[in-house]
């Protein structure tokens, strides 16, 4: 099982867009698990600090920062397909 850590913040438009992409795409990728973490939580703050996430959403795939801030849908879907 592959894991994606998804750092989100309440009221974040880009987070909602990324979540919609994940919800739609993950039906095709049962081997991928999304771990949604509030960036304001203690765990979220620790991850944001570790990966230098300055804007939400922060997407960490298998221990590597994939993106921060807005999400490029095509790039994200391509990455999911390669997992």
Protein backbone atom coordinates (compact mmCIF):
# COMPACT_ATOMS: atom_id res chain seq x y z
CA UNK A 1 0.00 0.00 0.00
CA UNK A 2 1.38 3.40 -1.03
CA UNK A 3 0.67 6.39 1.22
CA UNK A 4 0.03 10.02 0.39
CA UNK A 5 0.03 12.52 3.24
CA UNK A 6 -2.33 15.35 2.37
CA UNK A 7 -1.88 18.48 4.53
CA UNK A 8 -5.08 20.51 4.43
CA UNK A 9 -6.57 23.56 6.05
CA UNK A 10 -10.23 24.34 6.66
CA UNK A 11 -11.65 26.75 4.08
CA UNK A 12 -8.78 26.18 1.64
CA UNK A 13 -10.05 26.27 -1.96
CA UNK A 14 -6.95 24.53 -3.36
CA UNK A 15 -7.31 21.80 -0.73
CA UNK A 16 -10.90 21.18 -1.83
CA UNK A 17 -9.78 20.97 -5.47
CA UNK A 18 -7.03 18.47 -4.60
CA UNK A 19 -9.43 16.41 -2.49
CA UNK A 20 -11.86 16.22 -5.42
CA UNK A 21 -9.04 15.00 -7.68
CA UNK A 22 -8.07 12.34 -5.14
CA UNK A 23 -11.69 11.25 -4.60
CA UNK A 24 -12.19 10.83 -8.34
CA UNK A 25 -8.83 9.25 -9.16
CA UNK A 26 -8.37 6.85 -6.29
CA UNK A 27 -11.20 4.60 -7.40
CA UNK A 28 -8.70 3.49 -10.08
CA UNK A 29 -5.81 3.06 -7.61
CA UNK A 30 -6.85 0.79 -4.72
CA UNK A 31 -3.19 0.42 -3.68
CA UNK A 32 -2.96 4.11 -2.67
CA UNK A 33 -4.09 5.41 0.73
CA UNK A 34 -4.67 9.09 1.49
CA UNK A 35 -3.84 10.28 4.99
CA UNK A 36 -5.54 13.68 5.37
CA UNK A 37 -3.90 15.79 8.07
CA UNK A 38 -4.97 19.25 9.28
CA UNK A 39 -1.94 21.49 8.80
CA UNK A 40 -2.84 23.34 12.02
CA UNK A 41 -2.59 20.14 14.10
CA UNK A 42 0.58 19.17 15.93
CA UNK A 43 1.27 16.41 13.37
CA UNK A 44 0.50 18.78 10.50
CA UNK A 45 2.85 21.45 11.86
CA UNK A 46 5.63 18.88 12.27
CA UNK A 47 5.22 17.67 8.67
CA UNK A 48 4.95 21.23 7.32
CA UNK A 49 8.20 22.09 9.08
CA UNK A 50 9.99 18.92 7.97
CA UNK A 51 9.03 19.34 4.29
CA UNK A 52 9.03 23.18 4.19
CA UNK A 53 5.34 23.39 3.29
CA UNK A 54 4.53 27.11 3.22
CA UNK A 55 1.04 26.89 1.65
CA UNK A 56 -1.73 24.35 1.74
CA UNK A 57 -2.35 21.86 0.45
CA UNK A 58 0.90 20.08 0.98
CA UNK A 59 1.10 16.72 -0.76
CA UNK A 60 3.76 14.29 0.43
CA UNK A 61 4.02 11.08 -1.57
CA UNK A 62 5.97 8.19 -0.09
CA UNK A 63 8.06 10.53 2.06
CA UNK A 64 8.83 13.10 -0.67
CA UNK A 65 7.24 16.51 -1.09
CA UNK A 66 5.22 16.42 -4.32
CA UNK A 67 3.61 19.86 -4.20
CA UNK A 68 2.63 22.75 -1.99
CA UNK A 69 -0.03 25.37 -2.68
CA UNK A 70 -2.06 24.88 -5.86
CA UNK A 71 -2.30 21.47 -7.49
CA UNK A 72 -1.55 20.63 -11.13
CA UNK A 73 -4.23 17.99 -11.89
CA UNK A 74 -2.40 16.44 -14.87
CA UNK A 75 0.87 16.20 -12.94
CA UNK A 76 -0.89 14.65 -9.94
CA UNK A 77 -2.79 12.12 -12.05
CA UNK A 78 0.42 11.20 -13.85
CA UNK A 79 2.16 10.64 -10.50
CA UNK A 80 -0.71 8.48 -9.23
CA UNK A 81 -0.57 6.39 -12.42
CA UNK A 82 3.17 5.81 -11.95
CA UNK A 83 2.69 4.51 -8.42
